[in-house]
């Protein structure tokens, strides 16, 4: 089996020192929730670390979604390279989808350091939209 593979990550990730990586990359799980970093014996630790790093540098919901998608892709790469049995490969891909759905649905709590800032940005954006609609409504009435 070929042990060479390429995982997708920002190029800066590969330039981190072990100390820098240790500060932001904690493997699978977060917020005190311990999640196995293997799928039926296959390590996905590096995919989890890349995901942690991308959450750490991300700033928008689009960044979060990209990190989640790359996490799933990287798990699939590891599964494809590390599974010689098709039955085990199928089970691992099922588990990888479970991990993906978990971060997609609940990762927002780890992605946004302060939910207050997140909600403030949503409210601010909604208020801007409302004020733009309101202004156009008044402008159209006076035209």
Protein backbone atom coordinates (compact mmCIF):
# COMPACT_ATOMS: atom_id res chain seq x y z
CA UNK A 1 0.00 0.00 0.00
CA UNK A 2 1.28 3.47 -0.88
CA UNK A 3 1.74 5.51 2.29
CA UNK A 4 2.24 8.77 0.40
CA UNK A 5 -0.77 11.05 0.41
CA UNK A 6 -1.51 14.72 0.33
CA UNK A 7 -3.97 16.28 2.74
CA UNK A 8 -5.44 19.66 1.91
CA UNK A 9 -4.45 22.44 4.31
CA UNK A 10 -3.52 26.10 4.15
CA UNK A 11 0.17 26.31 3.26
CA UNK A 12 0.82 28.10 6.55
CA UNK A 13 -0.27 24.97 8.41
CA UNK A 14 2.72 23.07 7.07
CA UNK A 15 5.02 25.88 8.18
CA UNK A 16 3.97 25.71 11.85
CA UNK A 17 6.55 24.67 14.40
CA UNK A 18 5.55 21.79 16.69
CA UNK A 19 5.03 24.34 19.49
CA UNK A 20 2.76 26.53 17.34
CA UNK A 21 0.82 23.49 16.20
CA UNK A 22 0.42 22.39 19.82
CA UNK A 23 -1.21 25.71 20.71
CA UNK A 24 -4.06 25.48 18.20
CA UNK A 25 -4.29 21.84 17.15
CA UNK A 26 -5.76 19.40 19.64
CA UNK A 27 -6.87 16.50 17.49
CA UNK A 28 -10.49 15.46 17.45
CA UNK A 29 -13.06 16.91 19.82
CA UNK A 30 -13.37 20.29 21.49
CA UNK A 31 -15.07 22.11 24.34
CA UNK A 32 -14.09 19.32 26.69
CA UNK A 33 -15.72 16.64 24.54
CA UNK A 34 -13.34 13.76 23.96
CA UNK A 35 -13.78 12.30 20.48
CA UNK A 36 -11.69 9.38 19.21
CA UNK A 37 -9.10 10.44 16.63
CA UNK A 38 -9.35 7.15 14.80
CA UNK A 39 -11.96 5.39 12.71
CA UNK A 40 -11.84 1.67 13.43
CA UNK A 41 -8.12 1.83 14.12
CA UNK A 42 -7.22 4.29 11.36
CA UNK A 43 -5.78 7.57 12.65
CA UNK A 44 -7.48 10.75 11.46
CA UNK A 45 -5.50 12.87 13.90
CA UNK A 46 -3.85 14.97 11.18
CA UNK A 47 -7.21 15.70 9.51
CA UNK A 48 -8.51 16.86 12.90
CA UNK A 49 -5.45 19.04 13.45
CA UNK A 50 -5.86 20.72 10.05
CA UNK A 51 -9.54 21.30 10.89
CA UNK A 52 -8.56 22.87 14.25
CA UNK A 53 -6.07 25.16 12.51
CA UNK A 54 -8.62 26.25 9.91
CA UNK A 55 -11.16 27.02 12.64
CA UNK A 56 -8.49 29.04 14.43
CA UNK A 57 -7.72 31.25 11.42
CA UNK A 58 -11.27 31.38 10.05
CA UNK A 59 -13.30 34.56 10.28
CA UNK A 60 -16.54 33.93 8.42
CA UNK A 61 -19.19 31.24 8.21
CA UNK A 62 -17.85 30.50 4.72
CA UNK A 63 -14.45 29.82 6.30
CA UNK A 64 -16.11 27.39 8.72
CA UNK A 65 -17.92 25.60 5.93
CA UNK A 66 -14.69 25.32 3.95
CA UNK A 67 -12.87 23.91 6.99
CA UNK A 68 -15.65 21.36 7.51
CA UNK A 69 -15.60 20.28 3.85
CA UNK A 70 -11.82 19.95 3.81
CA UNK A 71 -12.00 17.95 7.05
CA UNK A 72 -14.32 15.45 5.37
CA UNK A 73 -12.18 15.33 2.22
CA UNK A 74 -9.02 14.73 4.26
CA UNK A 75 -10.69 11.95 6.24
CA UNK A 76 -11.72 10.31 2.95
CA UNK A 77 -8.14 10.52 1.67
CA UNK A 78 -6.86 8.84 4.82
CA UNK A 79 -9.59 6.21 4.62
CA UNK A 80 -8.89 5.46 0.96
CA UNK A 81 -5.16 5.12 1.62
CA UNK A 82 -5.53 3.14 4.84
CA UNK A 83 -8.30 0.67 4.05
CA UNK A 84 -7.60 -2.50 2.07
CA UNK A 85 -10.90 -4.16 2.99
CA UNK A 86 -13.97 -2.71 1.22
CA UNK A 87 -16.26 -3.48 4.14
CA UNK A 88 -14.00 -1.61 6.59
CA UNK A 89 -13.61 1.20 4.03
CA UNK A 90 -17.41 1.57 3.87
CA UNK A 91 -17.75 1.60 7.66
CA UNK A 92 -14.98 4.19 7.99
CA UNK A 93 -16.59 6.43 5.37
CA UNK A 94 -19.88 6.17 7.25
CA UNK A 95 -18.12 7.21 10.46
CA UNK A 96 -16.35 10.04 8.61
CA UNK A 97 -19.72 11.36 7.47
CA UNK A 98 -20.88 11.21 11.10
CA UNK A 99 -17.86 13.29 12.16
CA UNK A 100 -18.52 15.73 9.31
CA UNK A 101 -22.18 16.15 10.26
CA UNK A 102 -21.18 16.74 13.88
CA UNK A 103 -18.76 19.56 13.02
CA UNK A 104 -21.12 20.96 10.40
CA UNK A 105 -23.98 21.11 12.87
CA UNK A 106 -22.26 21.83 16.16
CA UNK A 107 -18.83 23.17 15.21
CA UNK A 108 -20.11 26.74 15.33
CA UNK A 109 -19.59 26.69 19.10
CA UNK A 110 -15.89 26.01 18.59
CA UNK A 111 -15.49 28.17 15.50
CA UNK A 112 -16.82 31.40 16.94
CA UNK A 113 -14.80 32.23 20.08
CA UNK A 114 -17.50 34.56 21.33
CA UNK A 115 -21.06 33.72 20.36
CA UNK A 116 -22.01 37.23 21.50
CA UNK A 117 -19.85 38.69 18.72
CA UNK A 118 -21.40 36.23 16.27
CA UNK A 119 -24.94 37.22 17.21
CA UNK A 120 -23.97 40.90 17.22
CA UNK A 121 -22.69 40.55 13.65
CA UNK A 122 -25.94 38.84 12.58
CA UNK A 123 -28.08 41.50 14.24
CA UNK A 124 -25.93 44.27 12.75
CA UNK A 125 -26.23 42.73 9.28
CA UNK A 126 -30.02 42.33 9.64
CA UNK A 127 -30.35 45.93 10.81
CA UNK A 128 -28.35 47.13 7.82
CA UNK A 129 -30.63 45.18 5.49
CA UNK A 130 -33.73 46.55 7.22
CA UNK A 131 -32.45 50.13 7.06
CA UNK A 132 -31.65 49.74 3.37
CA UNK A 133 -35.14 48.36 2.68
CA UNK A 134 -36.72 51.07 4.79
CA UNK A 135 -34.77 53.81 3.03
CA UNK A 136 -35.72 52.45 -0.39
CA UNK A 137 -39.34 52.24 0.74
CA UNK A 138 -39.40 55.88 1.83
CA UNK A 139 -37.49 56.95 -1.25
CA UNK A 140 -39.95 55.12 -3.53
CA UNK A 141 -42.97 56.70 -1.80
CA UNK A 142 -41.62 60.23 -2.30
CA UNK A 143 -40.67 59.68 -5.94
